[in-house]
PDB file of N, CA and C in Angstrom:
ATOM      1  N   UNK A   1      16.066  22.046  14.910  1.00  0.00           N
ATOM      2  CA  UNK A   1      16.545  20.947  15.949  1.00  0.00           C
ATOM      3  C   UNK A   1      15.604  20.300  16.603  1.00  0.00           C
ATOM      4  N   UNK A   2      15.816  19.091  16.750  1.00  0.00           N
ATOM      5  CA  UNK A   2      14.889  18.517  17.985  1.00  0.00           C
ATOM      6  C   UNK A   2      15.860  17.284  18.453  1.00  0.00           C
ATOM      7  N   UNK A   3      15.648  17.479  19.821  1.00  0.00           N
ATOM      8  CA  UNK A   3      16.714  16.857  20.976  1.00  0.00           C
ATOM      9  C   UNK A   3      15.634  15.757  21.380  1.00  0.00           C
ATOM     10  N   UNK A   4      15.995  14.526  21.609  1.00  0.00           N
ATOM     11  CA  UNK A   4      15.067  13.560  22.411  1.00  0.00           C
ATOM     12  C   UNK A   4      16.155  12.950  23.658  1.00  0.00           C
ATOM     13  N   UNK A   5      15.376  12.750  24.732  1.00  0.00           N
ATOM     14  CA  UNK A   5      16.104  12.376  25.821  1.00  0.00           C
ATOM     15  C   UNK A   5      15.180  11.054  26.455  1.00  0.00           C
ATOM     16  N   UNK A   6      15.920   9.864  26.541  1.00  0.00           N
ATOM     17  CA  UNK A   6      14.939   8.706  26.995  1.00  0.00           C
ATOM     18  C   UNK A   6      14.445   8.630  28.704  1.00  0.00           C
ATOM     19  N   UNK A   7      13.453   8.541  28.764  1.00  0.00           N
ATOM     20  CA  UNK A   7      13.312   8.121  30.136  1.00  0.00           C
ATOM     21  C   UNK A   7      14.141   6.868  30.848  1.00  0.00           C
ATOM     22  N   UNK A   8      14.679   7.054  31.919  1.00  0.00           N
ATOM     23  CA  UNK A   8      15.186   6.061  32.748  1.00  0.00           C
ATOM     24  C   UNK A   8      14.705   4.754  32.531  1.00  0.00           C
ATOM     25  N   UNK A   9      13.516   4.082  32.615  1.00  0.00           N
ATOM     26  CA  UNK A   9      12.969   3.096  32.120  1.00  0.00           C
ATOM     27  C   UNK A   9      13.626   2.402  30.969  1.00  0.00           C
ATOM     28  N   UNK A  10      14.195   3.171  30.058  1.00  0.00           N
ATOM     29  CA  UNK A  10      14.742   2.558  28.902  1.00  0.00           C
ATOM     30  C   UNK A  10      16.061   2.288  29.020  1.00  0.00           C
ATOM     31  N   UNK A  11      16.778   2.518  30.172  1.00  0.00           N
ATOM     32  CA  UNK A  11      18.467   2.329  30.243  1.00  0.00           C
ATOM     33  C   UNK A  11      18.336   1.321  31.126  1.00  0.00           C
ATOM     34  N   UNK A  12      17.403   0.335  31.013  1.00  0.00           N
ATOM     35  CA  UNK A  12      17.549  -0.862  31.698  1.00  0.00           C
ATOM     36  C   UNK A  12      18.537  -1.551  31.637  1.00  0.00           C
ATOM     37  N   UNK A  13      19.330  -2.392  32.182  1.00  0.00           N
ATOM     38  CA  UNK A  13      20.710  -3.321  31.934  1.00  0.00           C
ATOM     39  C   UNK A  13      20.022  -4.311  31.143  1.00  0.00           C
ATOM     40  N   UNK A  14      18.891  -4.664  31.387  1.00  0.00           N
ATOM     41  CA  UNK A  14      18.347  -6.014  30.351  1.00  0.00           C
ATOM     42  C   UNK A  14      18.322  -5.449  28.899  1.00  0.00           C
ATOM     43  N   UNK A  15      18.623  -4.192  28.369  1.00  0.00           N
ATOM     44  CA  UNK A  15      18.477  -4.017  27.034  1.00  0.00           C
ATOM     45  C   UNK A  15      20.015  -3.215  26.750  1.00  0.00           C
ATOM     46  N   UNK A  16      21.018  -3.688  27.635  1.00  0.00           N
ATOM     47  CA  UNK A  16      22.201  -3.191  27.237  1.00  0.00           C
ATOM     48  C   UNK A  16      22.763  -3.780  25.924  1.00  0.00           C
ATOM     49  N   UNK A  17      22.314  -4.723  25.384  1.00  0.00           N
ATOM     50  CA  UNK A  17      23.071  -5.279  24.207  1.00  0.00           C
ATOM     51  C   UNK A  17      22.314  -4.552  22.920  1.00  0.00           C
ATOM     52  N   UNK A  18      21.274  -3.951  23.093  1.00  0.00           N
ATOM     53  CA  UNK A  18      20.209  -3.367  22.114  1.00  0.00           C
ATOM     54  C   UNK A  18      20.739  -1.924  21.853  1.00  0.00           C
ATOM     55  N   UNK A  19      19.926  -1.441  20.826  1.00  0.00           N
ATOM     56  CA  UNK A  19      19.870  -0.325  20.230  1.00  0.00           C
ATOM     57  C   UNK A  19      18.881   0.748  20.320  1.00  0.00           C
ATOM     58  N   UNK A  20      19.004   1.709  20.878  1.00  0.00           N
ATOM     59  CA  UNK A  20      17.233   2.524  20.559  1.00  0.00           C
ATOM     60  C   UNK A  20      17.006   3.003  19.093  1.00  0.00           C
ATOM     61  N   UNK A  21      15.854   2.717  18.698  1.00  0.00           N
ATOM     62  CA  UNK A  21      15.133   2.807  17.682  1.00  0.00           C
ATOM     63  C   UNK A  21      14.436   4.311  17.693  1.00  0.00           C
ATOM     64  N   UNK A  22      14.870   5.146  17.119  1.00  0.00           N
ATOM     65  CA  UNK A  22      13.810   6.481  17.179  1.00  0.00           C
ATOM     66  C   UNK A  22      13.237   6.873  15.854  1.00  0.00           C
ATOM     67  N   UNK A  23      11.836   6.537  16.136  1.00  0.00           N
ATOM     68  CA  UNK A  23      11.018   6.599  14.938  1.00  0.00           C
ATOM     69  C   UNK A  23      10.164   7.896  14.781  1.00  0.00           C
ATOM     70  N   UNK A  24      10.058   8.674  13.509  1.00  0.00           N
ATOM     71  CA  UNK A  24       9.322   9.710  13.470  1.00  0.00           C
ATOM     72  C   UNK A  24       8.487   9.655  12.247  1.00  0.00           C
ATOM     73  N   UNK A  25       7.143  10.108  12.326  1.00  0.00           N
ATOM     74  CA  UNK A  25       6.071  10.022  11.327  1.00  0.00           C
ATOM     75  C   UNK A  25       5.446  11.184  11.216  1.00  0.00           C
ATOM     76  N   UNK A  26       4.989  11.446   9.900  1.00  0.00           N
ATOM     77  CA  UNK A  26       4.126  12.527   9.756  1.00  0.00           C
ATOM     78  C   UNK A  26       3.078  12.298   8.605  1.00  0.00           C
ATOM     79  N   UNK A  27       1.982  11.946   9.559  1.00  0.00           N
ATOM     80  CA  UNK A  27       0.751  11.307   8.562  1.00  0.00           C
ATOM     81  C   UNK A  27       0.033  12.555   7.935  1.00  0.00           C
ATOM     82  N   UNK A  28      -0.437  12.256   6.589  1.00  0.00           N
ATOM     83  CA  UNK A  28      -1.012  13.209   5.607  1.00  0.00           C
ATOM     84  C   UNK A  28      -2.118  13.996   6.653  1.00  0.00           C
ATOM     85  N   UNK A  29      -2.394  15.220   6.398  1.00  0.00           N
ATOM     86  CA  UNK A  29      -3.260  16.213   6.863  1.00  0.00           C
ATOM     87  C   UNK A  29      -4.100  16.780   6.019  1.00  0.00           C
ATOM     88  N   UNK A  30      -3.996  16.576   4.628  1.00  0.00           N
ATOM     89  CA  UNK A  30      -4.598  17.065   3.448  1.00  0.00           C
ATOM     90  C   UNK A  30      -4.624  16.117   2.402  1.00  0.00           C
ATOM     91  N   UNK A  31      -5.583  16.236   1.435  1.00  0.00           N
ATOM     92  CA  UNK A  31      -5.350  15.733   0.123  1.00  0.00           C
ATOM     93  C   UNK A  31      -4.508  15.968  -0.827  1.00  0.00           C
ATOM     94  N   UNK A  32      -3.654  14.712  -1.207  1.00  0.00           N
ATOM     95  CA  UNK A  32      -2.500  14.799  -2.010  1.00  0.00           C
ATOM     96  C   UNK A  32      -1.129  14.872  -1.152  1.00  0.00           C
ATOM     97  N   UNK A  33      -1.485  15.099   0.130  1.00  0.00           N
ATOM     98  CA  UNK A  33       0.029  15.123   0.756  1.00  0.00           C
ATOM     99  C   UNK A  33       0.320  13.374   1.447  1.00  0.00           C
ATOM    100  N   UNK A  34       1.641  13.342   1.456  1.00  0.00           N
ATOM    101  CA  UNK A  34       1.932  11.959   1.411  1.00  0.00           C
ATOM    102  C   UNK A  34       2.628  11.778   2.931  1.00  0.00           C
ATOM    103  N   UNK A  35       2.197  10.518   3.221  1.00  0.00           N
ATOM    104  CA  UNK A  35       2.679   9.833   4.825  1.00  0.00           C
ATOM    105  C   UNK A  35       4.059   9.819   4.531  1.00  0.00           C
ATOM    106  N   UNK A  36       4.660  10.300   5.579  1.00  0.00           N
ATOM    107  CA  UNK A  36       6.679  10.416   5.752  1.00  0.00           C
ATOM    108  C   UNK A  36       7.071   9.731   7.010  1.00  0.00           C
ATOM    109  N   UNK A  37       7.923   8.747   6.944  1.00  0.00           N
ATOM    110  CA  UNK A  37       8.236   8.282   8.238  1.00  0.00           C
ATOM    111  C   UNK A  37       9.696   8.144   8.209  1.00  0.00           C
ATOM    112  N   UNK A  38      10.623   8.075   8.955  1.00  0.00           N
ATOM    113  CA  UNK A  38      12.010   7.868   9.070  1.00  0.00           C
ATOM    114  C   UNK A  38      12.538   7.270  10.505  1.00  0.00           C
ATOM    115  N   UNK A  39      13.827   6.714  10.706  1.00  0.00           N
ATOM    116  CA  UNK A  39      14.015   6.195  12.047  1.00  0.00           C
ATOM    117  C   UNK A  39      15.696   6.329  11.711  1.00  0.00           C
ATOM    118  N   UNK A  40      16.206   6.330  13.254  1.00  0.00           N
ATOM    119  CA  UNK A  40      17.681   6.081  13.299  1.00  0.00           C
ATOM    120  C   UNK A  40      18.039   5.183  14.482  1.00  0.00           C
ATOM    121  N   UNK A  41      19.074   4.351  14.464  1.00  0.00           N
ATOM    122  CA  UNK A  41      19.253   3.720  15.218  1.00  0.00           C
ATOM    123  C   UNK A  41      20.729   4.240  16.513  1.00  0.00           C
ATOM    124  N   UNK A  42      20.368   4.263  17.496  1.00  0.00           N
ATOM    125  CA  UNK A  42      21.463   4.902  18.305  1.00  0.00           C
ATOM    126  C   UNK A  42      21.921   3.939  19.691  1.00  0.00           C
ATOM    127  N   UNK A  43      22.838   4.276  20.160  1.00  0.00           N
ATOM    128  CA  UNK A  43      23.129   3.670  21.406  1.00  0.00           C
ATOM    129  C   UNK A  43      23.281   4.896  22.342  1.00  0.00           C
ATOM    130  N   UNK A  44      23.134   5.998  22.132  1.00  0.00           N
ATOM    131  CA  UNK A  44      22.945   7.097  23.125  1.00  0.00           C
ATOM    132  C   UNK A  44      21.735   7.333  23.608  1.00  0.00           C
ATOM    133  N   UNK A  45      21.461   7.723  24.775  1.00  0.00           N
ATOM    134  CA  UNK A  45      20.057   8.322  25.143  1.00  0.00           C
ATOM    135  C   UNK A  45      19.621   9.614  25.176  1.00  0.00           C
ATOM    136  N   UNK A  46      20.664  10.232  24.071  1.00  0.00           N
ATOM    137  CA  UNK A  46      19.928  11.813  23.572  1.00  0.00           C
ATOM    138  C   UNK A  46      20.610  11.560  22.501  1.00  0.00           C
ATOM    139  N   UNK A  47      19.705  12.353  21.361  1.00  0.00           N
ATOM    140  CA  UNK A  47      20.113  12.597  19.749  1.00  0.00           C
ATOM    141  C   UNK A  47      19.314  13.548  19.421  1.00  0.00           C
ATOM    142  N   UNK A  48      20.315  14.602  18.775  1.00  0.00           N
ATOM    143  CA  UNK A  48      19.870  15.698  18.227  1.00  0.00           C
ATOM    144  C   UNK A  48      19.892  15.570  16.814  1.00  0.00           C
ATOM    145  N   UNK A  49      18.551  15.682  16.354  1.00  0.00           N
ATOM    146  CA  UNK A  49      18.083  15.425  14.824  1.00  0.00           C
ATOM    147  C   UNK A  49      18.036  17.210  14.392  1.00  0.00           C
ATOM    148  N   UNK A  50      18.624  17.158  13.153  1.00  0.00           N
ATOM    149  CA  UNK A  50      18.746  18.139  12.047  1.00  0.00           C
ATOM    150  C   UNK A  50      19.045  18.065  11.185  1.00  0.00           C
ATOM    151  N   UNK A  51      18.913  19.323  10.321  1.00  0.00           N
ATOM    152  CA  UNK A  51      19.218  19.083   9.098  1.00  0.00           C
ATOM    153  C   UNK A  51      18.666  18.290   8.043  1.00  0.00           C
ATOM    154  N   UNK A  52      19.151  17.471   7.377  1.00  0.00           N
ATOM    155  CA  UNK A  52      18.833  16.374   6.116  1.00  0.00           C
ATOM    156  C   UNK A  52      17.463  15.561   6.918  1.00  0.00           C
ATOM    157  N   UNK A  53      18.059  15.148   8.042  1.00  0.00           N
ATOM    158  CA  UNK A  53      17.028  13.923   8.799  1.00  0.00           C
ATOM    159  C   UNK A  53      15.823  14.778   9.053  1.00  0.00           C
ATOM    160  N   UNK A  54      15.613  16.108   9.435  1.00  0.00           N
ATOM    161  CA  UNK A  54      14.228  16.634   9.660  1.00  0.00           C
ATOM    162  C   UNK A  54      13.561  17.250   8.467  1.00  0.00           C
ATOM    163  N   UNK A  55      14.319  17.471   7.622  1.00  0.00           N
ATOM    164  CA  UNK A  55      13.583  18.376   6.370  1.00  0.00           C
ATOM    165  C   UNK A  55      12.519  17.744   5.809  1.00  0.00           C
ATOM    166  N   UNK A  56      12.768  16.513   5.483  1.00  0.00           N
ATOM    167  CA  UNK A  56      11.279  15.985   5.021  1.00  0.00           C
ATOM    168  C   UNK A  56      10.252  15.901   5.663  1.00  0.00           C
ATOM    169  N   UNK A  57      10.123  16.065   7.115  1.00  0.00           N
ATOM    170  CA  UNK A  57       9.095  15.947   7.788  1.00  0.00           C
ATOM    171  C   UNK A  57       8.412  17.331   7.853  1.00  0.00           C
ATOM    172  N   UNK A  58       8.824  18.678   7.232  1.00  0.00           N
ATOM    173  CA  UNK A  58       8.112  19.634   7.428  1.00  0.00           C
ATOM    174  C   UNK A  58       7.229  19.278   5.624  1.00  0.00           C
ATOM    175  N   UNK A  59       5.875  20.013   5.949  1.00  0.00           N
ATOM    176  CA  UNK A  59       4.921  19.922   4.945  1.00  0.00           C
ATOM    177  C   UNK A  59       5.132  20.755   3.837  1.00  0.00           C
ATOM    178  N   UNK A  60       4.706  20.369   2.697  1.00  0.00           N
ATOM    179  CA  UNK A  60       5.025  21.692   1.599  1.00  0.00           C
ATOM    180  C   UNK A  60       4.416  22.891   2.031  1.00  0.00           C
ATOM    181  N   UNK A  61       5.046  24.007   1.394  1.00  0.00           N
ATOM    182  CA  UNK A  61       4.828  25.324   1.476  1.00  0.00           C
ATOM    183  C   UNK A  61       3.244  25.789   1.725  1.00  0.00           C
ATOM    184  N   UNK A  62       2.513  25.001   0.718  1.00  0.00           N
ATOM    185  CA  UNK A  62       1.023  25.363   0.465  1.00  0.00           C
ATOM    186  C   UNK A  62       0.246  24.577   1.570  1.00  0.00           C
ATOM    187  N   UNK A  63       0.674  23.704   2.652  1.00  0.00           N
ATOM    188  CA  UNK A  63      -0.134  23.098   3.387  1.00  0.00           C
ATOM    189  C   UNK A  63       0.095  23.892   4.857  1.00  0.00           C
ATOM    190  N   UNK A  64      -0.662  23.472   5.814  1.00  0.00           N
ATOM    191  CA  UNK A  64      -0.711  24.026   7.315  1.00  0.00           C
ATOM    192  C   UNK A  64       0.628  23.356   7.895  1.00  0.00           C
ATOM    193  N   UNK A  65       0.322  23.858   9.093  1.00  0.00           N
ATOM    194  CA  UNK A  65       1.466  22.930  10.011  1.00  0.00           C
ATOM    195  C   UNK A  65       1.272  21.482  10.005  1.00  0.00           C
ATOM    196  N   UNK A  66       1.960  20.669  10.302  1.00  0.00           N
ATOM    197  CA  UNK A  66       1.809  19.056  10.499  1.00  0.00           C
ATOM    198  C   UNK A  66       2.165  18.826  11.902  1.00  0.00           C
ATOM    199  N   UNK A  67       1.509  17.601  12.100  1.00  0.00           N
ATOM    200  CA  UNK A  67       1.976  17.170  13.727  1.00  0.00           C
ATOM    201  C   UNK A  67       2.894  16.072  13.134  1.00  0.00           C
ATOM    202  N   UNK A  68       4.174  15.749  14.115  1.00  0.00           N
ATOM    203  CA  UNK A  68       4.856  14.840  13.923  1.00  0.00           C
ATOM    204  C   UNK A  68       5.181  13.959  14.894  1.00  0.00           C
ATOM    205  N   UNK A  69       5.020  12.445  15.032  1.00  0.00           N
ATOM    206  CA  UNK A  69       4.627  11.615  15.792  1.00  0.00           C
ATOM    207  C   UNK A  69       6.260  11.062  16.291  1.00  0.00           C
ATOM    208  N   UNK A  70       6.447  10.694  17.351  1.00  0.00           N
ATOM    209  CA  UNK A  70       7.969  10.090  17.492  1.00  0.00           C
ATOM    210  C   UNK A  70       7.838   9.193  18.723  1.00  0.00           C
ATOM    211  N   UNK A  71       8.645   8.086  18.724  1.00  0.00           N
ATOM    212  CA  UNK A  71       8.583   7.050  19.916  1.00  0.00           C
ATOM    213  C   UNK A  71      10.148   6.463  19.574  1.00  0.00           C
ATOM    214  N   UNK A  72      10.116   5.319  20.949  1.00  0.00           N
ATOM    215  CA  UNK A  72      11.425   4.837  20.722  1.00  0.00           C
ATOM    216  C   UNK A  72      11.119   3.427  21.274  1.00  0.00           C
ATOM    217  N   UNK A  73      12.064   2.957  20.596  1.00  0.00           N
ATOM    218  CA  UNK A  73      11.930   1.175  21.302  1.00  0.00           C
ATOM    219  C   UNK A  73      13.500   0.584  21.148  1.00  0.00           C
ATOM    220  N   UNK A  74      13.510  -0.356  21.795  1.00  0.00           N
ATOM    221  CA  UNK A  74      14.977  -0.883  21.744  1.00  0.00           C
ATOM    222  C   UNK A  74      15.255  -2.028  20.811  1.00  0.00           C
ATOM    223  N   UNK A  75      15.715  -2.291  20.029  1.00  0.00           N
ATOM    224  CA  UNK A  75      16.036  -3.126  19.057  1.00  0.00           C
ATOM    225  C   UNK A  75      17.329  -3.946  19.294  1.00  0.00           C
ATOM    226  N   UNK A  76      17.524  -5.126  18.708  1.00  0.00           N
ATOM    227  CA  UNK A  76      18.431  -5.785  18.375  1.00  0.00           C
ATOM    228  C   UNK A  76      18.771  -5.867  16.963  1.00  0.00           C
ATOM    229  N   UNK A  77      19.880  -5.171  16.504  1.00  0.00           N
ATOM    230  CA  UNK A  77      20.160  -4.985  15.165  1.00  0.00           C
ATOM    231  C   UNK A  77      20.688  -6.446  14.409  1.00  0.00           C
ATOM    232  N   UNK A  78      20.001  -6.651  13.140  1.00  0.00           N
ATOM    233  CA  UNK A  78      19.876  -7.911  12.777  1.00  0.00           C
ATOM    234  C   UNK A  78      20.691  -7.686  11.186  1.00  0.00           C
ATOM    235  N   UNK A  79      20.990  -6.435  10.911  1.00  0.00           N
ATOM    236  CA  UNK A  79      21.600  -6.379   9.536  1.00  0.00           C
ATOM    237  C   UNK A  79      21.255  -5.032   8.933  1.00  0.00           C
ATOM    238  N   UNK A  80      21.454  -5.089   7.538  1.00  0.00           N
ATOM    239  CA  UNK A  80      21.162  -3.647   6.982  1.00  0.00           C
ATOM    240  C   UNK A  80      20.325  -3.948   5.471  1.00  0.00           C
ATOM    241  N   UNK A  81      19.495  -2.907   5.412  1.00  0.00           N
ATOM    242  CA  UNK A  81      18.763  -2.867   4.057  1.00  0.00           C
ATOM    243  C   UNK A  81      19.297  -2.504   2.950  1.00  0.00           C
ATOM    244  N   UNK A  82      19.102  -2.818   1.761  1.00  0.00           N
ATOM    245  CA  UNK A  82      19.875  -2.606   0.322  1.00  0.00           C
ATOM    246  C   UNK A  82      20.449  -1.016   0.384  1.00  0.00           C
ATOM    247  N   UNK A  83      19.920  -0.627   1.239  1.00  0.00           N
ATOM    248  CA  UNK A  83      20.705   1.342   1.252  1.00  0.00           C
ATOM    249  C   UNK A  83      21.779   1.335   2.346  1.00  0.00           C
ATOM    250  N   UNK A  84      21.952   0.142   3.312  1.00  0.00           N
ATOM    251  CA  UNK A  84      22.723   0.400   4.108  1.00  0.00           C
ATOM    252  C   UNK A  84      22.122   0.719   5.328  1.00  0.00           C
ATOM    253  N   UNK A  85      21.014   1.023   5.318  1.00  0.00           N
ATOM    254  CA  UNK A  85      19.963   1.459   6.638  1.00  0.00           C
ATOM    255  C   UNK A  85      19.950  -0.027   7.600  1.00  0.00           C
ATOM    256  N   UNK A  86      20.235   0.377   8.871  1.00  0.00           N
ATOM    257  CA  UNK A  86      20.070  -0.878   9.817  1.00  0.00           C
ATOM    258  C   UNK A  86      18.795  -1.249  10.006  1.00  0.00           C
ATOM    259  N   UNK A  87      18.654  -2.587  10.241  1.00  0.00           N
ATOM    260  CA  UNK A  87      17.576  -3.425  10.483  1.00  0.00           C
ATOM    261  C   UNK A  87      17.625  -4.056  11.609  1.00  0.00           C
ATOM    262  N   UNK A  88      16.560  -4.275  12.672  1.00  0.00           N
ATOM    263  CA  UNK A  88      16.607  -5.181  13.720  1.00  0.00           C
ATOM    264  C   UNK A  88      15.109  -6.026  14.159  1.00  0.00           C
ATOM    265  N   UNK A  89      15.143  -6.340  15.126  1.00  0.00           N
ATOM    266  CA  UNK A  89      13.813  -6.907  15.695  1.00  0.00           C
ATOM    267  C   UNK A  89      13.767  -6.130  17.203  1.00  0.00           C
ATOM    268  N   UNK A  90      12.631  -6.014  17.622  1.00  0.00           N
ATOM    269  CA  UNK A  90      12.289  -5.455  18.734  1.00  0.00           C
ATOM    270  C   UNK A  90      12.481  -6.338  20.032  1.00  0.00           C
ATOM    271  N   UNK A  91      13.017  -5.846  21.042  1.00  0.00           N
ATOM    272  CA  UNK A  91      13.522  -6.373  22.144  1.00  0.00           C
ATOM    273  C   UNK A  91      12.831  -5.411  23.469  1.00  0.00           C
ATOM    274  N   UNK A  92      12.140  -4.700  23.108  1.00  0.00           N
ATOM    275  CA  UNK A  92      11.413  -3.996  23.928  1.00  0.00           C
ATOM    276  C   UNK A  92       9.799  -3.388  23.548  1.00  0.00           C
ATOM    277  N   UNK A  93       8.948  -3.046  24.209  1.00  0.00           N
ATOM    278  CA  UNK A  93       7.681  -2.354  23.569  1.00  0.00           C
ATOM    279  C   UNK A  93       7.992  -0.905  23.556  1.00  0.00           C
ATOM    280  N   UNK A  94       7.209  -0.327  22.383  1.00  0.00           N
ATOM    281  CA  UNK A  94       7.471   0.784  22.013  1.00  0.00           C
ATOM    282  C   UNK A  94       7.505   2.014  23.480  1.00  0.00           C
ATOM    283  N   UNK A  95       7.924   3.057  23.390  1.00  0.00           N
ATOM    284  CA  UNK A  95       7.297   4.034  24.520  1.00  0.00           C
ATOM    285  C   UNK A  95       6.085   4.451  24.050  1.00  0.00           C
ATOM    286  N   UNK A  96       5.661   5.315  24.731  1.00  0.00           N
ATOM    287  CA  UNK A  96       4.241   6.118  24.372  1.00  0.00           C
ATOM    288  C   UNK A  96       4.663   7.212  23.182  1.00  0.00           C
ATOM    289  N   UNK A  97       3.941   7.587  22.366  1.00  0.00           N
ATOM    290  CA  UNK A  97       3.949   8.515  21.434  1.00  0.00           C
ATOM    291  C   UNK A  97       4.105   9.952  21.683  1.00  0.00           C
ATOM    292  N   UNK A  98       4.903  10.840  21.420  1.00  0.00           N
ATOM    293  CA  UNK A  98       4.891  12.327  21.703  1.00  0.00           C
ATOM    294  C   UNK A  98       4.727  12.793  20.313  1.00  0.00           C
ATOM    295  N   UNK A  99       4.432  14.431  20.301  1.00  0.00           N
ATOM    296  CA  UNK A  99       4.166  14.877  19.297  1.00  0.00           C
ATOM    297  C   UNK A  99       4.975  16.083  19.161  1.00  0.00           C
ATOM    298  N   UNK A 100       5.188  16.539  17.856  1.00  0.00           N
ATOM    299  CA  UNK A 100       5.842  17.725  17.683  1.00  0.00           C
ATOM    300  C   UNK A 100       4.942  18.775  16.434  1.00  0.00           C
ATOM    301  N   UNK A 101       5.242  19.635  16.398  1.00  0.00           N
ATOM    302  CA  UNK A 101       4.365  20.527  15.282  1.00  0.00           C
ATOM    303  C   UNK A 101       5.725  21.166  14.433  1.00  0.00           C
ATOM    304  N   UNK A 102       5.589  20.647  13.210  1.00  0.00           N
ATOM    305  CA  UNK A 102       6.514  21.175  12.350  1.00  0.00           C
ATOM    306  C   UNK A 102       5.681  21.946  11.371  1.00  0.00           C
ATOM    307  N   UNK A 103       6.192  23.672  11.273  1.00  0.00           N
ATOM    308  CA  UNK A 103       5.685  24.349  10.328  1.00  0.00           C
ATOM    309  C   UNK A 103       5.963  24.071   8.754  1.00  0.00           C
ATOM    310  N   UNK A 104       5.277  24.485   7.757  1.00  0.00           N
ATOM    311  CA  UNK A 104       5.784  24.353   6.510  1.00  0.00           C
ATOM    312  C   UNK A 104       7.116  24.404   5.910  1.00  0.00           C
ATOM    313  N   UNK A 105       7.567  23.899   5.012  1.00  0.00           N
ATOM    314  CA  UNK A 105       8.801  24.776   4.442  1.00  0.00           C
ATOM    315  C   UNK A 105       8.307  26.101   3.859  1.00  0.00           C
ATOM    316  N   UNK A 106       9.371  26.708   4.051  1.00  0.00           N
ATOM    317  CA  UNK A 106       9.579  28.111   2.983  1.00  0.00           C
ATOM    318  C   UNK A 106       9.077  27.996   1.601  1.00  0.00           C
ATOM    319  N   UNK A 107       8.499  29.208   1.352  1.00  0.00           N
ATOM    320  CA  UNK A 107       7.972  28.937  -0.193  1.00  0.00           C
ATOM    321  C   UNK A 107       9.410  29.768  -0.726  1.00  0.00           C
ATOM    322  N   UNK A 108       9.917  29.069  -2.036  1.00  0.00           N
ATOM    323  CA  UNK A 108      10.968  29.756  -2.810  1.00  0.00           C
ATOM    324  C   UNK A 108      10.581  30.582  -3.715  1.00  0.00           C
ATOM    325  N   UNK A 109      11.574  31.608  -3.590  1.00  0.00           N
ATOM    326  CA  UNK A 109      11.056  32.724  -4.532  1.00  0.00           C
ATOM    327  C   UNK A 109      11.659  32.577  -5.610  1.00  0.00           C
TER     328      UNK A 109
END
């Protein structure tokens, strides 16, 4: 489980029409490991990410733990992509990046 809470600066009235774009990415740390990134849009200033959203961020069992970076920006939703995922345009600068360490996926027996 992972919970984020936005800083007060992102709760500005000038962004009242926007959505928060929580972005996470795991760059490769070894040869053959792929980059992975995903995002969600939310109106909430807190978000509990778990399960299916977080699973792909864990590196394969044969790799070491991975650093996952995350940041937030405010966006105005402009539509959806072909898979129904929201898309939009930025209406704020991104926050600073924060980092989490994700353990490898457990080996299946």
